C-alpha atoms as a PDB file:
ATOM      1  CA  MET A   1      17.220  -5.347  11.874  1.00  0.00           C
ATOM      2  CA  SER A   2      20.810  -6.527  11.431  1.00  0.00           C
ATOM      3  CA  TRP A   3      22.130  -5.794   7.932  1.00  0.00           C
ATOM      4  CA  HIS A   4      25.355  -7.057   6.346  1.00  0.00           C
ATOM      5  CA  PRO A   5      26.205  -4.931   3.308  1.00  0.00           C
ATOM      6  CA  GLU A   6      28.573  -7.484   1.821  1.00  0.00           C
ATOM      7  CA  GLN A   7      26.042 -10.277   1.818  1.00  0.00           C
ATOM      8  CA  TYR A   8      23.275  -8.070   0.336  1.00  0.00           C
ATOM      9  CA  ALA A   9      25.817  -6.986  -2.367  1.00  0.00           C
ATOM     10  CA  ARG A  10      26.427 -10.671  -3.510  1.00  0.00           C
ATOM     11  CA  PHE A  11      23.525 -10.257  -5.844  1.00  0.00           C
ATOM     12  CA  ALA A  12      23.931  -6.590  -6.678  1.00  0.00           C
ATOM     13  CA  ALA A  13      23.266  -6.960 -10.468  1.00  0.00           C
ATOM     14  CA  GLU A  14      20.100  -8.759  -9.854  1.00  0.00           C
ATOM     15  CA  ARG A  15      18.892  -6.360  -7.165  1.00  0.00           C
ATOM     16  CA  ALA A  16      19.677  -3.375  -9.334  1.00  0.00           C
ATOM     17  CA  GLN A  17      17.673  -4.312 -12.317  1.00  0.00           C
ATOM     18  CA  PRO A  18      14.244  -3.306 -10.705  1.00  0.00           C
ATOM     19  CA  PHE A  19      15.802  -0.106  -9.702  1.00  0.00           C
ATOM     20  CA  HIS A  20      16.759   0.752 -13.187  1.00  0.00           C
ATOM     21  CA  ASP A  21      13.296  -0.276 -14.431  1.00  0.00           C
ATOM     22  CA  LEU A  22      11.848   2.046 -11.761  1.00  0.00           C
ATOM     23  CA  CYS A  23      13.923   4.961 -12.824  1.00  0.00           C
ATOM     24  CA  ASP A  24      12.651   4.317 -16.442  1.00  0.00           C
ATOM     25  CA  LEU A  25       9.199   5.228 -15.106  1.00  0.00           C
ATOM     26  CA  ILE A  26      10.355   8.546 -14.042  1.00  0.00           C
ATOM     27  CA  HIS A  27       9.469  11.150 -16.692  1.00  0.00           C
ATOM     28  CA  PRO A  28      12.284  12.987 -18.272  1.00  0.00           C
ATOM     29  CA  VAL A  29      12.767  16.481 -16.941  1.00  0.00           C
ATOM     30  CA  PRO A  30      15.063  19.433 -18.080  1.00  0.00           C
ATOM     31  CA  PRO A  31      18.523  19.386 -16.440  1.00  0.00           C
ATOM     32  CA  GLY A  32      18.420  21.048 -13.046  1.00  0.00           C
ATOM     33  CA  SER A  33      14.641  20.875 -12.647  1.00  0.00           C
ATOM     34  CA  ILE A  34      14.951  18.282  -9.830  1.00  0.00           C
ATOM     35  CA  GLY A  35      16.053  20.542  -7.109  1.00  0.00           C
ATOM     36  CA  ARG A  36      15.378  18.260  -3.983  1.00  0.00           C
ATOM     37  CA  ALA A  37      15.181  14.450  -4.073  1.00  0.00           C
ATOM     38  CA  VAL A  38      15.115  11.725  -1.406  1.00  0.00           C
ATOM     39  CA  ASP A  39      15.945   8.005  -1.610  1.00  0.00           C
ATOM     40  CA  LEU A  40      14.020   6.317   1.230  1.00  0.00           C
ATOM     41  CA  GLY A  41      15.733   3.160   2.211  1.00  0.00           C
ATOM     42  CA  CYS A  42      19.038   3.998   0.395  1.00  0.00           C
ATOM     43  CA  GLY A  43      21.054   0.993   1.814  1.00  0.00           C
ATOM     44  CA  SER A  44      24.693   1.312   0.784  1.00  0.00           C
ATOM     45  CA  GLY A  45      23.989   4.341  -1.374  1.00  0.00           C
ATOM     46  CA  SER A  46      25.412   3.265  -4.703  1.00  0.00           C
ATOM     47  CA  LEU A  47      22.078   3.296  -6.453  1.00  0.00           C
ATOM     48  CA  THR A  48      21.243   6.651  -4.854  1.00  0.00           C
ATOM     49  CA  VAL A  49      24.314   8.211  -6.411  1.00  0.00           C
ATOM     50  CA  LEU A  50      23.269   6.719  -9.876  1.00  0.00           C
ATOM     51  CA  ALA A  51      19.765   8.215  -9.649  1.00  0.00           C
ATOM     52  CA  ALA A  52      21.244  11.696  -8.711  1.00  0.00           C
ATOM     53  CA  GLU A  53      23.493  11.603 -11.577  1.00  0.00           C
ATOM     54  CA  ARG A  54      20.907  10.270 -14.080  1.00  0.00           C
ATOM     55  CA  PHE A  55      18.415  12.920 -13.262  1.00  0.00           C
ATOM     56  CA  GLY A  56      20.777  15.835 -12.580  1.00  0.00           C
ATOM     57  CA  VAL A  57      19.545  16.259  -8.978  1.00  0.00           C
ATOM     58  CA  GLU A  58      20.746  19.398  -7.219  1.00  0.00           C
ATOM     59  CA  GLU A  59      20.300  17.895  -3.742  1.00  0.00           C
ATOM     60  CA  MET A  60      19.750  14.150  -3.131  1.00  0.00           C
ATOM     61  CA  VAL A  61      19.447  12.678   0.281  1.00  0.00           C
ATOM     62  CA  GLY A  62      19.545   8.904   0.962  1.00  0.00           C
ATOM     63  CA  LEU A  63      17.870   8.001   4.162  1.00  0.00           C
ATOM     64  CA  ASP A  64      18.255   4.657   5.945  1.00  0.00           C
ATOM     65  CA  SER A  65      17.760   3.188   9.480  1.00  0.00           C
ATOM     66  CA  SER A  66      20.639   0.774   9.196  1.00  0.00           C
ATOM     67  CA  SER A  67      24.055   2.044  10.580  1.00  0.00           C
ATOM     68  CA  GLU A  68      25.825  -0.704   8.786  1.00  0.00           C
ATOM     69  CA  MET A  69      24.472   0.366   5.435  1.00  0.00           C
ATOM     70  CA  LEU A  70      24.994   4.059   6.151  1.00  0.00           C
ATOM     71  CA  ALA A  71      28.665   3.366   6.978  1.00  0.00           C
ATOM     72  CA  GLU A  72      29.005   2.129   3.470  1.00  0.00           C
ATOM     73  CA  ALA A  73      27.098   4.944   2.103  1.00  0.00           C
ATOM     74  CA  GLU A  74      28.995   7.769   3.684  1.00  0.00           C
ATOM     75  CA  ALA A  75      32.144   6.622   1.940  1.00  0.00           C
ATOM     76  CA  ILE A  76      30.641   7.639  -1.431  1.00  0.00           C
ATOM     77  CA  GLU A  77      28.979  10.922  -0.415  1.00  0.00           C
ATOM     78  CA  GLN A  78      29.270  13.713  -3.033  1.00  0.00           C
ATOM     79  CA  GLU A  79      28.742  17.447  -3.089  1.00  0.00           C
ATOM     80  CA  ARG A  80      25.103  16.945  -4.150  1.00  0.00           C
ATOM     81  CA  VAL A  81      24.453  13.547  -2.477  1.00  0.00           C
ATOM     82  CA  ARG A  82      24.455  12.959   1.284  1.00  0.00           C
ATOM     83  CA  PHE A  83      23.218  10.279   3.481  1.00  0.00           C
ATOM     84  CA  ALA A  84      21.312  10.400   6.817  1.00  0.00           C
ATOM     85  CA  TYR A  85      19.754   8.222   9.414  1.00  0.00           C
ATOM     86  CA  GLY A  86      15.947   8.235   9.349  1.00  0.00           C
ATOM     87  CA  ASP A  87      12.784   6.187   9.487  1.00  0.00           C
ATOM     88  CA  LEU A  88      11.027   5.986   6.121  1.00  0.00           C
ATOM     89  CA  SER A  89       7.757   5.015   7.760  1.00  0.00           C
ATOM     90  CA  THR A  90       7.475   8.500   9.343  1.00  0.00           C
ATOM     91  CA  TRP A  91       9.503  10.677   6.948  1.00  0.00           C
ATOM     92  CA  THR A  92       7.743  13.528   5.153  1.00  0.00           C
ATOM     93  CA  ALA A  93       8.460  17.075   4.081  1.00  0.00           C
ATOM     94  CA  ASP A  94       6.555  20.236   3.277  1.00  0.00           C
ATOM     95  CA  ALA A  95       5.730  19.884  -0.319  1.00  0.00           C
ATOM     96  CA  ASP A  96       9.210  20.769  -1.470  1.00  0.00           C
ATOM     97  CA  HIS A  97      10.618  17.519  -3.126  1.00  0.00           C
ATOM     98  CA  ASP A  98      10.591  17.001  -6.794  1.00  0.00           C
ATOM     99  CA  LEU A  99      11.425  13.329  -6.493  1.00  0.00           C
ATOM    100  CA  VAL A 100      10.532  10.788  -3.765  1.00  0.00           C
ATOM    101  CA  LEU A 101      12.182   7.524  -4.550  1.00  0.00           C
ATOM    102  CA  ALA A 102      11.822   4.149  -2.591  1.00  0.00           C
ATOM    103  CA  ASN A 103      13.419   0.999  -4.006  1.00  0.00           C
ATOM    104  CA  ALA A 104      12.741  -2.249  -2.205  1.00  0.00           C
ATOM    105  CA  SER A 105      12.321  -0.568   1.156  1.00  0.00           C
ATOM    106  CA  LEU A 106       8.581   0.142   1.729  1.00  0.00           C
ATOM    107  CA  GLN A 107       7.804  -3.518   2.411  1.00  0.00           C
ATOM    108  CA  TRP A 108       9.700  -3.368   5.736  1.00  0.00           C
ATOM    109  CA  VAL A 109       7.071  -1.001   7.242  1.00  0.00           C
ATOM    110  CA  PRO A 110       3.267  -1.335   7.939  1.00  0.00           C
ATOM    111  CA  ASP A 111       0.264   0.820   6.906  1.00  0.00           C
ATOM    112  CA  HIS A 112       1.259   1.677   3.279  1.00  0.00           C
ATOM    113  CA  ARG A 113      -1.760   3.845   2.871  1.00  0.00           C
ATOM    114  CA  ALA A 114      -0.638   6.264   5.556  1.00  0.00           C
ATOM    115  CA  VAL A 115       3.070   6.064   4.626  1.00  0.00           C
ATOM    116  CA  LEU A 116       2.309   6.940   0.948  1.00  0.00           C
ATOM    117  CA  ALA A 117       0.091   9.781   2.085  1.00  0.00           C
ATOM    118  CA  ARG A 118       3.059  11.323   3.875  1.00  0.00           C
ATOM    119  CA  TRP A 119       5.384  10.722   0.871  1.00  0.00           C
ATOM    120  CA  VAL A 120       2.918  12.337  -1.405  1.00  0.00           C
ATOM    121  CA  ALA A 121       2.580  15.284   0.953  1.00  0.00           C
ATOM    122  CA  ALA A 122       6.318  15.762   0.519  1.00  0.00           C
ATOM    123  CA  LEU A 123       6.011  16.414  -3.239  1.00  0.00           C
ATOM    124  CA  SER A 124       6.167  19.754  -4.825  1.00  0.00           C
ATOM    125  CA  PRO A 125       3.577  20.514  -7.569  1.00  0.00           C
ATOM    126  CA  GLY A 126       4.464  18.249 -10.499  1.00  0.00           C
ATOM    127  CA  GLY A 127       6.807  16.202  -8.274  1.00  0.00           C
ATOM    128  CA  GLN A 128       7.264  12.468  -8.933  1.00  0.00           C
ATOM    129  CA  LEU A 129       6.919   9.463  -6.760  1.00  0.00           C
ATOM    130  CA  ALA A 130       8.599   6.199  -7.702  1.00  0.00           C
ATOM    131  CA  VAL A 131       8.319   3.067  -5.497  1.00  0.00           C
ATOM    132  CA  GLN A 132       9.272  -0.560  -5.947  1.00  0.00           C
ATOM    133  CA  VAL A 133       8.345  -3.425  -3.406  1.00  0.00           C
ATOM    134  CA  PRO A 134       8.934  -7.209  -3.671  1.00  0.00           C
ATOM    135  CA  ALA A 135       5.719  -9.141  -3.902  1.00  0.00           C
ATOM    136  CA  ASN A 136       6.872 -12.697  -3.534  1.00  0.00           C
ATOM    137  CA  ALA A 137       5.498 -13.790  -0.252  1.00  0.00           C
ATOM    138  CA  ASP A 138       4.039 -16.809  -1.837  1.00  0.00           C
ATOM    139  CA  HIS A 139       7.300 -18.085  -3.120  1.00  0.00           C
ATOM    140  CA  PRO A 140       8.850 -21.258  -1.376  1.00  0.00           C
ATOM    141  CA  SER A 141      11.787 -19.038  -0.278  1.00  0.00           C
ATOM    142  CA  HIS A 142       9.388 -17.208   2.044  1.00  0.00           C
ATOM    143  CA  LEU A 143       7.059 -20.105   2.895  1.00  0.00           C
ATOM    144  CA  ALA A 144       9.998 -22.354   4.028  1.00  0.00           C
ATOM    145  CA  LEU A 145      11.429 -19.533   6.101  1.00  0.00           C
ATOM    146  CA  ALA A 146       8.093 -19.086   7.906  1.00  0.00           C
ATOM    147  CA  ALA A 147       7.743 -22.859   8.437  1.00  0.00           C
ATOM    148  CA  VAL A 148      11.135 -23.224  10.068  1.00  0.00           C
ATOM    149  CA  ALA A 149      10.647 -20.270  12.279  1.00  0.00           C
ATOM    150  CA  HIS A 150       7.731 -22.107  13.791  1.00  0.00           C
ATOM    151  CA  THR A 151       9.674 -25.216  14.642  1.00  0.00           C
ATOM    152  CA  GLU A 152      11.697 -25.995  17.696  1.00  0.00           C
ATOM    153  CA  PRO A 153      14.216 -24.811  19.132  1.00  0.00           C
ATOM    154  CA  PHE A 154      13.586 -21.621  17.070  1.00  0.00           C
ATOM    155  CA  ARG A 155       9.981 -20.997  18.097  1.00  0.00           C
ATOM    156  CA  SER A 156      10.834 -21.062  21.802  1.00  0.00           C
ATOM    157  CA  ALA A 157      13.827 -18.780  21.130  1.00  0.00           C
ATOM    158  CA  PHE A 158      11.348 -16.381  19.662  1.00  0.00           C
ATOM    159  CA  ASP A 159       9.143 -16.694  22.658  1.00  0.00           C
ATOM    160  CA  GLY A 160       6.623 -18.414  20.568  1.00  0.00           C
ATOM    161  CA  GLU A 161       6.098 -15.699  18.056  1.00  0.00           C
ATOM    162  CA  PRO A 162       8.768 -15.384  15.272  1.00  0.00           C
ATOM    163  CA  PRO A 163       9.204 -12.070  13.505  1.00  0.00           C
ATOM    164  CA  PRO A 164       6.516 -11.838  10.690  1.00  0.00           C
ATOM    165  CA  ASP A 165       7.405 -11.866   7.066  1.00  0.00           C
ATOM    166  CA  PRO A 166       7.204  -8.133   6.161  1.00  0.00           C
ATOM    167  CA  VAL A 167       6.236  -8.791   2.570  1.00  0.00           C
ATOM    168  CA  ALA A 168       3.364 -11.027   3.555  1.00  0.00           C
ATOM    169  CA  ALA A 169       2.271  -8.706   6.257  1.00  0.00           C
ATOM    170  CA  ASN A 170       2.698  -5.350   4.676  1.00  0.00           C
ATOM    171  CA  VAL A 171       2.659  -5.509   0.877  1.00  0.00           C
ATOM    172  CA  LEU A 172      -0.634  -4.745  -0.793  1.00  0.00           C
ATOM    173  CA  ALA A 173      -2.002  -5.893  -4.248  1.00  0.00           C
ATOM    174  CA  PRO A 174      -1.104  -3.781  -7.243  1.00  0.00           C
ATOM    175  CA  GLU A 175      -4.677  -2.546  -7.777  1.00  0.00           C
ATOM    176  CA  GLN A 176      -4.717  -1.369  -4.092  1.00  0.00           C
ATOM    177  CA  TYR A 177      -1.693   0.716  -4.700  1.00  0.00           C
ATOM    178  CA  ALA A 178      -3.129   2.170  -7.851  1.00  0.00           C
ATOM    179  CA  THR A 179      -6.312   3.096  -5.979  1.00  0.00           C
ATOM    180  CA  ILE A 180      -4.380   4.692  -3.059  1.00  0.00           C
ATOM    181  CA  LEU A 181      -2.358   6.891  -5.423  1.00  0.00           C
ATOM    182  CA  HIS A 182      -5.555   7.922  -7.198  1.00  0.00           C
ATOM    183  CA  ASP A 183      -7.286   8.725  -3.955  1.00  0.00           C
ATOM    184  CA  LEU A 184      -4.304  10.791  -2.827  1.00  0.00           C
ATOM    185  CA  GLY A 185      -4.840  13.102  -5.906  1.00  0.00           C
ATOM    186  CA  MET A 186      -1.838  11.726  -7.897  1.00  0.00           C
ATOM    187  CA  GLU A 187      -2.018  12.229 -11.675  1.00  0.00           C
ATOM    188  CA  THR A 188      -1.938   9.137 -14.061  1.00  0.00           C
ATOM    189  CA  PRO A 189      -0.712   6.440 -11.537  1.00  0.00           C
ATOM    190  CA  HIS A 190       1.201   3.642 -13.193  1.00  0.00           C
ATOM    191  CA  VAL A 191       1.361   0.438 -11.239  1.00  0.00           C
ATOM    192  CA  ARG A 192       2.487  -2.987 -12.557  1.00  0.00           C
ATOM    193  CA  LEU A 193       3.476  -6.387 -11.400  1.00  0.00           C
ATOM    194  CA  GLN A 194       6.641  -7.654 -13.000  1.00  0.00           C
ATOM    195  CA  VAL A 195       8.297 -11.022 -12.671  1.00  0.00           C
ATOM    196  CA  TYR A 196      12.166 -10.980 -12.617  1.00  0.00           C
ATOM    197  CA  GLY A 197      13.803 -14.286 -13.701  1.00  0.00           C
ATOM    198  CA  HIS A 198      17.096 -14.610 -11.896  1.00  0.00           C
ATOM    199  CA  VAL A 199      19.297 -17.555 -12.931  1.00  0.00           C
ATOM    200  CA  LEU A 200      21.242 -18.577  -9.829  1.00  0.00           C
ATOM    201  CA  ASP A 201      24.055 -21.191  -9.901  1.00  0.00           C
ATOM    202  CA  SER A 202      21.745 -23.535  -7.930  1.00  0.00           C
ATOM    203  CA  SER A 203      18.544 -23.743  -5.955  1.00  0.00           C
ATOM    204  CA  ALA A 204      20.638 -23.554  -2.710  1.00  0.00           C
ATOM    205  CA  ALA A 205      21.918 -20.130  -3.771  1.00  0.00           C
ATOM    206  CA  VAL A 206      18.463 -18.883  -2.853  1.00  0.00           C
ATOM    207  CA  VAL A 207      19.464 -19.281   0.740  1.00  0.00           C
ATOM    208  CA  GLU A 208      22.417 -16.917   0.112  1.00  0.00           C
ATOM    209  CA  TRP A 209      19.996 -14.451  -1.464  1.00  0.00           C
ATOM    210  CA  THR A 210      17.694 -14.409   1.586  1.00  0.00           C
ATOM    211  CA  ARG A 211      20.723 -14.190   3.899  1.00  0.00           C
ATOM    212  CA  GLY A 212      20.971 -10.547   2.608  1.00  0.00           C
ATOM    213  CA  THR A 213      17.266  -9.641   3.088  1.00  0.00           C
ATOM    214  CA  SER A 214      14.499 -11.900   4.643  1.00  0.00           C
ATOM    215  CA  LEU A 215      16.884 -13.805   7.097  1.00  0.00           C
ATOM    216  CA  THR A 216      18.113 -10.544   8.634  1.00  0.00           C
ATOM    217  CA  ARG A 217      14.892  -9.964  10.598  1.00  0.00           C
ATOM    218  CA  PHE A 218      15.533 -13.037  12.674  1.00  0.00           C
ATOM    219  CA  TRP A 219      19.121 -12.390  13.904  1.00  0.00           C
ATOM    220  CA  PRO A 220      18.380  -9.645  16.573  1.00  0.00           C
ATOM    221  CA  ARG A 221      15.990 -12.102  18.380  1.00  0.00           C
ATOM    222  CA  LEU A 222      17.803 -15.407  17.875  1.00  0.00           C
ATOM    223  CA  PRO A 223      20.710 -16.398  19.960  1.00  0.00           C
ATOM    224  CA  ALA A 224      23.962 -16.477  17.984  1.00  0.00           C
ATOM    225  CA  ALA A 225      24.342 -20.170  18.715  1.00  0.00           C
ATOM    226  CA  LEU A 226      21.235 -20.868  16.698  1.00  0.00           C
ATOM    227  CA  HIS A 227      22.054 -18.816  13.682  1.00  0.00           C
ATOM    228  CA  ASP A 228      23.864 -21.606  11.781  1.00  0.00           C
ATOM    229  CA  PRO A 229      21.302 -24.322  12.722  1.00  0.00           C
ATOM    230  CA  PHE A 230      18.462 -22.026  11.602  1.00  0.00           C
ATOM    231  CA  VAL A 231      20.107 -21.506   8.146  1.00  0.00           C
ATOM    232  CA  ASP A 232      20.842 -25.303   7.880  1.00  0.00           C
ATOM    233  CA  ALA A 233      17.071 -26.137   8.706  1.00  0.00           C
ATOM    234  CA  TYR A 234      15.961 -23.376   6.266  1.00  0.00           C
ATOM    235  CA  ARG A 235      18.081 -24.722   3.531  1.00  0.00           C
ATOM    236  CA  ASP A 236      16.854 -28.260   4.064  1.00  0.00           C
ATOM    237  CA  ALA A 237      13.201 -27.094   4.159  1.00  0.00           C
ATOM    238  CA  LEU A 238      13.704 -24.878   1.035  1.00  0.00           C
ATOM    239  CA  LEU A 239      15.246 -27.648  -1.124  1.00  0.00           C
ATOM    240  CA  GLU A 240      12.633 -30.110  -0.041  1.00  0.00           C
ATOM    241  CA  ARG A 241      10.204 -27.716  -1.704  1.00  0.00           C
ATOM    242  CA  ILE A 242      12.165 -26.654  -4.963  1.00  0.00           C
ATOM    243  CA  GLY A 243      14.445 -29.497  -5.252  1.00  0.00           C
ATOM    244  CA  GLU A 244      18.329 -29.448  -5.817  1.00  0.00           C
ATOM    245  CA  VAL A 245      18.595 -27.713  -9.220  1.00  0.00           C
ATOM    246  CA  SER A 246      21.542 -26.376 -10.994  1.00  0.00           C
ATOM    247  CA  PRO A 247      21.217 -23.783 -12.380  1.00  0.00           C
ATOM    248  CA  TYR A 248      17.980 -22.546 -10.694  1.00  0.00           C
ATOM    249  CA  PHE A 249      15.496 -20.041 -12.259  1.00  0.00           C
ATOM    250  CA  PHE A 250      14.488 -17.852  -9.337  1.00  0.00           C
ATOM    251  CA  ALA A 251      11.145 -16.132 -10.256  1.00  0.00           C
ATOM    252  CA  PHE A 252      10.811 -13.044  -8.248  1.00  0.00           C
ATOM    253  CA  LYS A 253       7.764 -10.875  -8.447  1.00  0.00           C
ATOM    254  CA  ARG A 254       7.907  -7.024  -7.764  1.00  0.00           C
ATOM    255  CA  ILE A 255       5.404  -4.239  -7.841  1.00  0.00           C
ATOM    256  CA  LEU A 256       6.613  -1.016  -9.601  1.00  0.00           C
ATOM    257  CA  MET A 257       4.656   2.183  -9.128  1.00  0.00           C
ATOM    258  CA  TRP A 258       4.889   5.851 -10.472  1.00  0.00           C
ATOM    259  CA  ALA A 259       2.642   8.776 -10.137  1.00  0.00           C
ATOM    260  CA  ARG A 260       2.993  12.560 -10.468  1.00  0.00           C
ATOM    261  CA  SER A 261       1.736  15.237  -8.109  1.00  0.00           C
ATOM    262  CA  PRO A 262      -0.710  17.687  -9.691  1.00  0.00           C
ATOM    263  CA  ARG A 263       1.163  20.699 -11.214  1.00  0.00           C
ATOM    264  CA  GLN A 264      -1.192  23.158  -9.345  1.00  0.00           C
ATOM    265  CA  PRO A 265      -0.695  23.246  -5.575  1.00  0.00           C
ATOM    266  CA  ARG A 266      -3.171  21.413  -3.499  1.00  0.00           C
ATOM    267  CA  GLY A 267      -5.989  23.329  -2.049  1.00  0.00           C
END
């Protein structure tokens, strides 16, 4: 993946709202009762710091696999908040975390049942899990991107097989997540599908949104000379589907989930 923090931050307020809603699902706890917490897929780290402050976390670690994002995050490290390189798909811990948080990151990896099992295993008795994933693979912004990737000259540049859409390939239905959390022994799982309505300056601004997320998966495999032509072709394909509208209401579906580990140790 090739991440550009500045591009991702262009819609910082819109991207932050689901994070705040996710934090609202976390049950209030007495100050100091969250000893260890982790933010899996922390990005540039600003929301990690906010979560640590909001919940009075004694030790918060933000984990990410992007060196570009971690370079931004390291500049805002605090005494109780640090950042580290790591793979959220394999991360786990020995039942010693009071909070496992993952905001808009789980979609990038496959086999969510196995990943969630590892995250649940990291929770201390009574620990909380809070996860948010986008669920908008059926939106024209995703469909147009997939269609363009399968046209020439881009398809040949990808050796005939473009990088798959992680949301379409990996994200499950809300009821599947609820069932997984229940089967993992979590208490009172709460899972909901929520539509966020982002009013953008124009329909073309959706391209700038995806430059910070979905488009990033193409750049490592696409020659630099084809980057701009790919974006231009994508813009044309997208506007053909949604029209040239100003302002544009960008309806964005996300799944928010929360659950608590049993207060008694497992086994």
